[in-house]
Amino acid sequence: MRQALCDKIIVVCNAKIKAKGDNVGLSFYSFFGNKNDDPGMLMEAASWWIERHQLDHFEKAVKIRDMVRAGL
């Protein structure tokens, strides 16, 4: 994934974890507003989440943050 998307994922995960604790779950839609203003980045996130890692619709924010930090 491009660095801008990785950075965005980490920021969103950290905010969710801070607000709701380590058990908070999220989907890849959490990284985007209600407007589809960057379909390329949305598809990049979806491909990483669904095709590459075959993750469930909702995953723990801690897990996603750590995967992104590890460069997976």
N, C-alpha and C. Protein backbone atom coordinates (compact mmCIF):
# COMPACT_ATOMS: atom_id res chain seq x y z
N MET A 1 0.83 -1.18 0.00
CA MET A 1 0.00 0.00 0.00
C MET A 1 0.88 1.24 0.00
N ARG A 2 0.34 2.28 -0.56
CA ARG A 2 1.08 3.55 -0.55
C ARG A 2 1.20 4.08 0.88
N GLN A 3 2.25 4.84 1.11
CA GLN A 3 2.55 5.32 2.46
C GLN A 3 1.42 6.18 3.03
N ALA A 4 0.80 7.00 2.21
CA ALA A 4 -0.29 7.85 2.70
C ALA A 4 -1.44 7.02 3.28
N LEU A 5 -1.75 5.89 2.65
CA LEU A 5 -2.80 5.03 3.16
C LEU A 5 -2.36 4.33 4.43
N CYS A 6 -1.15 3.87 4.48
CA CYS A 6 -0.62 3.24 5.70
C CYS A 6 -0.69 4.22 6.87
N ASP A 7 -0.25 5.46 6.64
CA ASP A 7 -0.28 6.48 7.68
C ASP A 7 -1.70 6.75 8.15
N LYS A 8 -2.63 6.83 7.21
CA LYS A 8 -4.03 7.08 7.53
C LYS A 8 -4.61 5.94 8.38
N ILE A 9 -4.31 4.71 8.01
CA ILE A 9 -4.79 3.54 8.76
C ILE A 9 -4.29 3.57 10.19
N ILE A 10 -3.02 3.87 10.37
CA ILE A 10 -2.44 3.90 11.72
C ILE A 10 -3.08 5.00 12.56
N VAL A 11 -3.28 6.17 11.98
CA VAL A 11 -3.91 7.28 12.71
C VAL A 11 -5.33 6.91 13.13
N VAL A 12 -6.11 6.36 12.20
CA VAL A 12 -7.50 5.99 12.50
C VAL A 12 -7.54 4.88 13.56
N CYS A 13 -6.70 3.87 13.42
CA CYS A 13 -6.68 2.79 14.40
C CYS A 13 -6.32 3.32 15.78
N ASN A 14 -5.31 4.16 15.86
CA ASN A 14 -4.91 4.72 17.15
C ASN A 14 -6.03 5.53 17.79
N ALA A 15 -6.74 6.30 16.99
CA ALA A 15 -7.85 7.11 17.50
C ALA A 15 -8.98 6.22 18.02
N LYS A 16 -9.30 5.17 17.27
CA LYS A 16 -10.36 4.24 17.70
C LYS A 16 -9.97 3.52 18.99
N ILE A 17 -8.72 3.09 19.06
CA ILE A 17 -8.23 2.38 20.24
C ILE A 17 -8.27 3.31 21.45
N LYS A 18 -7.83 4.55 21.27
CA LYS A 18 -7.82 5.52 22.36
C LYS A 18 -9.24 5.80 22.86
N ALA A 19 -10.18 5.90 21.93
CA ALA A 19 -11.56 6.22 22.29
C ALA A 19 -12.33 5.05 22.89
N LYS A 20 -12.06 3.83 22.39
CA LYS A 20 -12.91 2.69 22.77
C LYS A 20 -12.17 1.49 23.34
N GLY A 21 -10.85 1.55 23.41
CA GLY A 21 -10.09 0.46 24.01
C GLY A 21 -9.54 -0.53 23.00
N ASP A 22 -8.73 -1.46 23.50
CA ASP A 22 -8.01 -2.41 22.67
C ASP A 22 -8.90 -3.40 21.91
N ASN A 23 -10.13 -3.57 22.35
CA ASN A 23 -11.01 -4.56 21.71
C ASN A 23 -11.88 -3.98 20.61
N VAL A 24 -11.69 -2.70 20.28
CA VAL A 24 -12.54 -2.08 19.27
C VAL A 24 -12.26 -2.69 17.90
N GLY A 25 -13.33 -2.93 17.16
CA GLY A 25 -13.22 -3.47 15.82
C GLY A 25 -13.53 -2.39 14.79
N LEU A 26 -13.09 -2.64 13.57
CA LEU A 26 -13.37 -1.73 12.47
C LEU A 26 -13.30 -2.46 11.16
N SER A 27 -13.82 -1.81 10.12
CA SER A 27 -13.72 -2.35 8.76
C SER A 27 -12.87 -1.40 7.95
N PHE A 28 -12.52 -1.78 6.73
CA PHE A 28 -11.68 -0.91 5.92
C PHE A 28 -12.42 0.37 5.54
N TYR A 29 -13.73 0.37 5.64
CA TYR A 29 -14.49 1.59 5.39
C TYR A 29 -14.21 2.66 6.44
N SER A 30 -13.72 2.27 7.59
CA SER A 30 -13.43 3.21 8.67
C SER A 30 -12.38 4.24 8.29
N PHE A 31 -11.60 3.97 7.27
CA PHE A 31 -10.51 4.86 6.88
C PHE A 31 -10.95 5.92 5.88
N PHE A 32 -12.25 5.94 5.57
CA PHE A 32 -12.76 6.84 4.55
C PHE A 32 -14.02 7.52 5.05
N GLY A 33 -14.24 8.75 4.63
CA GLY A 33 -15.47 9.46 4.97
C GLY A 33 -16.64 8.89 4.20
N ASN A 34 -17.78 9.44 4.43
CA ASN A 34 -18.97 8.97 3.72
C ASN A 34 -18.92 9.29 2.23
N LYS A 35 -18.12 10.26 1.86
CA LYS A 35 -17.95 10.59 0.45
C LYS A 35 -16.89 9.70 -0.17
N ASN A 36 -17.15 9.25 -1.35
CA ASN A 36 -16.16 8.44 -2.07
C ASN A 36 -15.30 9.38 -2.91
N ASP A 37 -14.44 10.14 -2.22
CA ASP A 37 -13.64 11.15 -2.91
C ASP A 37 -12.29 10.63 -3.40
N ASP A 38 -11.94 9.39 -3.03
CA ASP A 38 -10.70 8.79 -3.52
C ASP A 38 -10.93 7.30 -3.77
N PRO A 39 -11.62 6.96 -4.86
CA PRO A 39 -11.94 5.56 -5.11
C PRO A 39 -10.71 4.68 -5.29
N GLY A 40 -9.62 5.23 -5.80
CA GLY A 40 -8.40 4.45 -5.96
C GLY A 40 -7.85 3.99 -4.62
N MET A 41 -7.84 4.90 -3.64
CA MET A 41 -7.33 4.54 -2.32
C MET A 41 -8.28 3.57 -1.62
N LEU A 42 -9.58 3.77 -1.81
CA LEU A 42 -10.57 2.85 -1.23
C LEU A 42 -10.36 1.45 -1.78
N MET A 43 -10.17 1.32 -3.08
CA MET A 43 -9.96 0.01 -3.68
C MET A 43 -8.62 -0.60 -3.24
N GLU A 44 -7.64 0.24 -3.05
CA GLU A 44 -6.35 -0.25 -2.55
C GLU A 44 -6.50 -0.85 -1.15
N ALA A 45 -7.25 -0.16 -0.29
CA ALA A 45 -7.50 -0.67 1.05
C ALA A 45 -8.32 -1.95 1.00
N ALA A 46 -9.34 -1.97 0.15
CA ALA A 46 -10.18 -3.16 0.01
C ALA A 46 -9.38 -4.35 -0.49
N SER A 47 -8.52 -4.13 -1.46
CA SER A 47 -7.69 -5.22 -2.00
C SER A 47 -6.76 -5.76 -0.93
N TRP A 48 -6.15 -4.87 -0.17
CA TRP A 48 -5.23 -5.29 0.90
C TRP A 48 -5.99 -6.11 1.94
N TRP A 49 -7.17 -5.63 2.32
CA TRP A 49 -7.98 -6.23 3.38
C TRP A 49 -8.58 -7.56 2.94
N ILE A 50 -9.20 -7.57 1.76
CA ILE A 50 -9.99 -8.72 1.31
C ILE A 50 -9.16 -9.72 0.50
N GLU A 51 -8.51 -9.25 -0.55
CA GLU A 51 -7.78 -10.16 -1.44
C GLU A 51 -6.46 -10.65 -0.83
N ARG A 52 -5.68 -9.72 -0.35
CA ARG A 52 -4.35 -10.09 0.12
C ARG A 52 -4.38 -10.85 1.44
N HIS A 53 -5.18 -10.36 2.40
CA HIS A 53 -5.15 -10.96 3.74
C HIS A 53 -6.39 -11.75 4.10
N GLN A 54 -7.42 -11.70 3.29
CA GLN A 54 -8.67 -12.43 3.51
C GLN A 54 -9.20 -12.23 4.93
N LEU A 55 -9.22 -10.96 5.35
CA LEU A 55 -9.69 -10.62 6.68
C LEU A 55 -11.21 -10.60 6.72
N ASP A 56 -11.77 -10.78 7.90
CA ASP A 56 -13.21 -10.66 8.10
C ASP A 56 -13.63 -9.21 7.89
N HIS A 57 -14.93 -8.99 7.76
CA HIS A 57 -15.42 -7.63 7.55
C HIS A 57 -14.98 -6.70 8.68
N PHE A 58 -15.12 -7.15 9.93
CA PHE A 58 -14.65 -6.40 11.09
C PHE A 58 -13.47 -7.11 11.71
N GLU A 59 -12.43 -6.35 12.01
CA GLU A 59 -11.23 -6.86 12.67
C GLU A 59 -10.85 -5.90 13.79
N LYS A 60 -10.06 -6.38 14.72
CA LYS A 60 -9.59 -5.53 15.82
C LYS A 60 -8.65 -4.46 15.26
N ALA A 61 -8.84 -3.23 15.72
CA ALA A 61 -8.00 -2.12 15.28
C ALA A 61 -6.53 -2.37 15.62
N VAL A 62 -6.29 -2.99 16.77
CA VAL A 62 -4.91 -3.29 17.18
C VAL A 62 -4.25 -4.22 16.16
N LYS A 63 -4.97 -5.22 15.71
CA LYS A 63 -4.44 -6.18 14.73
C LYS A 63 -4.10 -5.48 13.42
N ILE A 64 -5.02 -4.65 12.92
CA ILE A 64 -4.79 -3.96 11.66
C ILE A 64 -3.62 -3.00 11.77
N ARG A 65 -3.59 -2.21 12.84
CA ARG A 65 -2.48 -1.28 13.05
C ARG A 65 -1.14 -2.01 13.06
N ASP A 66 -1.07 -3.12 13.78
CA ASP A 66 0.18 -3.87 13.89
C ASP A 66 0.57 -4.49 12.56
N MET A 67 -0.40 -4.95 11.78
CA MET A 67 -0.10 -5.52 10.46
C MET A 67 0.48 -4.43 9.55
N VAL A 68 -0.11 -3.25 9.56
CA VAL A 68 0.37 -2.16 8.72
C VAL A 68 1.77 -1.73 9.16
N ARG A 69 1.97 -1.61 10.47
CA ARG A 69 3.30 -1.24 10.98
C ARG A 69 4.37 -2.25 10.58
N ALA A 70 3.98 -3.52 10.51
CA ALA A 70 4.92 -4.59 10.16
C ALA A 70 5.17 -4.67 8.65
N GLY A 71 4.41 -3.90 7.89
CA GLY A 71 4.57 -3.90 6.44
C GLY A 71 3.94 -5.09 5.74
N LEU A 72 2.95 -5.69 6.38
CA LEU A 72 2.28 -6.84 5.78
C LEU A 72 1.30 -6.43 4.71
